N, C-alpha and C. Protein backbone atom coordinates (compact mmCIF):
# COMPACT_ATOMS: atom_id res chain seq x y z
N MET A 1 -2.14 11.26 -1.05
CA MET A 1 -1.32 11.32 -2.18
C MET A 1 -1.12 12.32 -3.27
N GLU A 2 -0.23 12.46 -4.24
CA GLU A 2 -1.11 13.33 -5.42
C GLU A 2 -0.43 12.76 -6.25
N ILE A 3 -1.49 12.93 -7.97
CA ILE A 3 -1.57 11.87 -8.97
C ILE A 3 -0.39 11.68 -9.61
N ARG A 4 0.78 12.45 -9.76
CA ARG A 4 1.99 12.17 -9.82
C ARG A 4 2.40 10.87 -9.25
N GLU A 5 2.61 11.42 -8.13
CA GLU A 5 2.72 9.71 -6.91
C GLU A 5 1.95 8.73 -7.52
N VAL A 6 0.53 8.66 -7.70
CA VAL A 6 -0.04 7.86 -8.08
C VAL A 6 0.56 7.38 -9.24
N PHE A 7 0.34 8.06 -10.03
CA PHE A 7 0.82 7.29 -11.84
C PHE A 7 2.02 6.92 -11.75
N ALA A 8 3.43 7.90 -11.25
CA ALA A 8 4.45 7.06 -11.03
C ALA A 8 4.77 5.52 -10.64
N ARG A 9 4.02 5.51 -9.35
CA ARG A 9 3.89 3.73 -8.68
C ARG A 9 3.01 3.07 -9.73
N ASN A 10 1.96 3.72 -10.28
CA ASN A 10 1.22 2.75 -11.25
C ASN A 10 2.00 1.89 -12.05
N LEU A 11 2.92 3.14 -12.89
CA LEU A 11 3.67 3.35 -13.58
C LEU A 11 4.72 1.77 -13.99
N ARG A 12 5.39 2.15 -12.68
CA ARG A 12 6.12 1.43 -12.07
C ARG A 12 5.78 -0.59 -11.78
N ARG A 13 4.53 -0.01 -11.21
CA ARG A 13 4.51 -1.78 -10.53
C ARG A 13 3.82 -2.66 -12.35
N HIS A 14 3.37 -1.91 -13.11
CA HIS A 14 2.92 -2.23 -14.04
C HIS A 14 3.79 -2.79 -15.33
N ARG A 15 4.98 -1.96 -15.27
CA ARG A 15 5.95 -2.08 -16.08
C ARG A 15 6.85 -2.86 -15.47
N GLN A 16 6.92 -3.19 -14.49
CA GLN A 16 7.68 -4.58 -13.59
C GLN A 16 6.90 -5.66 -14.11
N ALA A 17 5.13 -5.66 -13.64
CA ALA A 17 4.75 -6.91 -13.85
C ALA A 17 4.41 -7.24 -15.43
N ALA A 18 4.77 -6.74 -16.52
CA ALA A 18 4.91 -7.05 -17.82
C ALA A 18 6.20 -7.51 -18.22
N GLY A 19 7.35 -7.23 -17.20
CA GLY A 19 8.52 -7.65 -17.31
C GLY A 19 9.49 -6.64 -18.00
N LEU A 20 8.81 -5.51 -18.50
CA LEU A 20 9.86 -4.71 -19.15
C LEU A 20 10.35 -3.96 -18.34
N SER A 21 11.77 -3.59 -18.83
CA SER A 21 12.88 -2.44 -18.26
C SER A 21 11.86 -0.81 -19.19
N GLN A 22 12.54 -0.02 -18.21
CA GLN A 22 12.38 1.28 -18.44
C GLN A 22 12.32 1.51 -19.94
N GLU A 23 13.98 0.88 -20.25
CA GLU A 23 14.24 1.25 -21.70
C GLU A 23 13.63 0.36 -22.57
N GLU A 24 13.08 -0.71 -22.92
CA GLU A 24 12.06 -1.85 -23.29
C GLU A 24 10.82 -0.77 -23.31
N LEU A 25 10.50 -0.43 -22.49
CA LEU A 25 8.77 0.52 -22.73
C LEU A 25 8.96 1.64 -23.24
N ALA A 26 9.86 2.07 -22.98
CA ALA A 26 10.26 3.49 -23.95
C ALA A 26 10.27 3.31 -25.19
N HIS A 27 11.16 2.15 -25.64
CA HIS A 27 11.16 1.84 -26.70
C HIS A 27 9.94 1.72 -27.47
N ARG A 28 9.09 0.70 -26.87
CA ARG A 28 7.60 0.15 -27.18
C ARG A 28 7.17 1.88 -27.51
N ALA A 29 6.87 2.09 -26.52
CA ALA A 29 6.01 3.45 -26.60
C ALA A 29 6.38 4.76 -27.67
N GLU A 30 8.16 5.03 -27.97
CA GLU A 30 8.92 5.91 -28.87
C GLU A 30 8.57 6.95 -28.06
N VAL A 31 9.47 7.16 -26.58
CA VAL A 31 9.69 7.76 -25.92
C VAL A 31 10.73 7.77 -25.09
N ASP A 32 11.73 8.55 -24.86
CA ASP A 32 13.19 8.39 -24.42
C ASP A 32 13.19 7.65 -23.04
N ARG A 33 14.18 6.77 -22.64
CA ARG A 33 14.25 6.09 -21.45
C ARG A 33 14.06 7.15 -20.33
N THR A 34 15.19 8.19 -20.15
CA THR A 34 14.90 9.34 -19.08
C THR A 34 13.67 9.30 -19.26
N TYR A 35 12.60 9.64 -20.30
CA TYR A 35 11.36 10.35 -19.90
C TYR A 35 10.37 8.93 -18.75
N ILE A 36 10.86 8.27 -18.93
CA ILE A 36 9.94 6.77 -18.25
C ILE A 36 10.99 6.81 -16.81
N SER A 37 12.07 6.99 -16.57
CA SER A 37 13.08 7.37 -15.58
C SER A 37 12.47 8.62 -14.55
N ALA A 38 12.13 9.39 -15.21
CA ALA A 38 11.83 10.87 -14.60
C ALA A 38 10.27 10.82 -14.47
N LEU A 39 9.44 9.69 -15.26
CA LEU A 39 7.78 10.01 -14.71
C LEU A 39 7.72 9.33 -13.63
N GLU A 40 8.31 8.01 -13.33
CA GLU A 40 8.52 6.94 -12.26
C GLU A 40 8.98 7.64 -10.98
N ARG A 41 10.09 8.95 -11.03
CA ARG A 41 10.30 9.17 -9.95
C ARG A 41 10.03 10.70 -9.70
N CYS A 42 8.77 11.05 -10.51
CA CYS A 42 7.52 11.97 -10.03
C CYS A 42 8.15 13.39 -10.63
N VAL A 43 9.23 13.86 -11.59
CA VAL A 43 9.92 14.14 -11.98
C VAL A 43 9.30 15.27 -13.18
N TYR A 44 8.57 14.92 -13.88
CA TYR A 44 7.42 15.52 -14.69
C TYR A 44 6.05 14.70 -14.30
N GLY A 45 5.47 15.04 -14.96
CA GLY A 45 3.78 14.88 -15.47
C GLY A 45 3.95 14.61 -16.67
N ALA A 46 2.62 13.39 -17.00
CA ALA A 46 2.36 12.61 -18.21
C ALA A 46 1.37 13.77 -18.90
N THR A 47 1.29 13.90 -20.39
CA THR A 47 0.38 14.11 -21.14
C THR A 47 -0.62 12.96 -21.12
N ILE A 48 -2.07 13.22 -21.32
CA ILE A 48 -2.98 12.49 -21.68
C ILE A 48 -2.29 11.45 -22.36
N ASP A 49 -1.87 12.27 -24.26
CA ASP A 49 -1.54 11.25 -25.12
C ASP A 49 -0.51 10.13 -24.12
N VAL A 50 0.66 10.58 -23.39
CA VAL A 50 1.34 9.70 -23.26
C VAL A 50 0.68 8.18 -21.95
N VAL A 51 -0.07 9.23 -21.69
CA VAL A 51 -1.00 8.20 -20.61
C VAL A 51 -1.37 6.94 -21.39
N ASP A 52 -2.09 6.88 -22.59
CA ASP A 52 -2.40 6.38 -23.25
C ASP A 52 -1.43 5.39 -24.00
N LYS A 53 -0.76 5.86 -24.67
CA LYS A 53 0.85 5.06 -25.33
C LYS A 53 1.04 4.13 -24.25
N LEU A 54 1.03 4.55 -23.51
CA LEU A 54 1.89 3.65 -22.05
C LEU A 54 1.33 2.80 -21.79
N ALA A 55 -0.43 2.84 -21.64
CA ALA A 55 -1.13 1.66 -21.04
C ALA A 55 -1.25 0.99 -22.32
N ASN A 56 -1.01 1.70 -23.06
CA ASN A 56 -1.48 0.39 -24.58
C ASN A 56 -0.28 -0.21 -24.60
N VAL A 57 0.83 0.11 -24.51
CA VAL A 57 2.28 -0.65 -24.53
C VAL A 57 1.73 -1.78 -23.31
N LEU A 58 1.46 -1.68 -22.12
CA LEU A 58 1.59 -2.24 -21.31
C LEU A 58 0.15 -3.59 -20.98
N GLY A 59 -0.75 -2.90 -21.95
CA GLY A 59 -1.81 -3.85 -21.94
C GLY A 59 -2.96 -3.37 -21.13
N ILE A 60 -3.33 -2.64 -20.91
CA ILE A 60 -3.90 -1.86 -19.61
C ILE A 60 -4.69 -0.86 -19.92
N GLU A 61 -5.55 -0.42 -19.42
CA GLU A 61 -6.49 0.77 -19.69
C GLU A 61 -5.97 1.90 -18.71
N ALA A 62 -5.83 3.33 -19.55
CA ALA A 62 -5.25 4.29 -19.48
C ALA A 62 -5.27 4.59 -17.77
N ALA A 63 -6.93 4.63 -17.55
CA ALA A 63 -7.30 4.90 -16.32
C ALA A 63 -6.49 3.60 -15.48
N ASP A 64 -6.30 2.65 -15.20
CA ASP A 64 -5.02 1.71 -14.21
C ASP A 64 -3.96 2.44 -13.86
N LEU A 65 -3.79 3.25 -15.22
CA LEU A 65 -2.37 4.11 -13.99
C LEU A 65 -2.66 5.32 -13.54
N LEU A 66 -3.73 5.81 -13.81
CA LEU A 66 -4.59 6.71 -12.62
C LEU A 66 -4.80 6.34 -11.10
N ARG A 67 -5.16 4.75 -10.98
CA ARG A 67 -6.17 5.03 -10.33
C ARG A 67 -5.41 4.58 -8.58
N ARG A 68 -6.12 5.74 -7.79
CA ARG A 68 -5.61 5.86 -6.40
C ARG A 68 -5.63 4.46 -6.17
N PRO A 69 -4.66 4.04 -4.92
CA PRO A 69 -5.11 2.90 -4.06
C PRO A 69 -6.12 2.80 -3.36
N PRO A 70 -6.49 1.45 -3.34
CA PRO A 70 -7.85 2.05 -1.90
C PRO A 70 -7.70 2.49 -0.82
N LEU A 71 -8.41 3.45 -0.15
CA LEU A 71 -8.32 3.93 1.05
C LEU A 71 -8.01 3.10 2.50
N ARG A 72 -7.51 2.82 3.41
CA ARG A 72 -7.30 1.83 4.41
C ARG A 72 -8.20 2.57 5.38
N VAL A 73 -8.85 1.59 5.61
CA VAL A 73 -10.02 1.81 7.49
C VAL A 73 -8.84 1.41 8.10
N THR A 74 -8.73 1.88 8.90
CA THR A 74 -8.35 2.05 10.34
C THR A 74 -9.32 2.08 11.69
N LYS A 75 -9.09 1.21 12.84
CA LYS A 75 -10.14 0.61 13.78
C LYS A 75 -9.19 1.26 14.87
């Protein structure tokens, strides 16, 4: 899985867990709502500054937005 996809999935999951719409997250992070949508669809890659802003608004560490899911072990 590419890092943009990892970021997009984590961003959406944490945003929804926080009960925020894309619009509210964008407002609190001082970015455009369409930018949040584009990030969640892997259209754009976020700068490290934006990753930090979004993490702060979501109350998580920036690393949480970049954390890959655990590998599944198949038998």
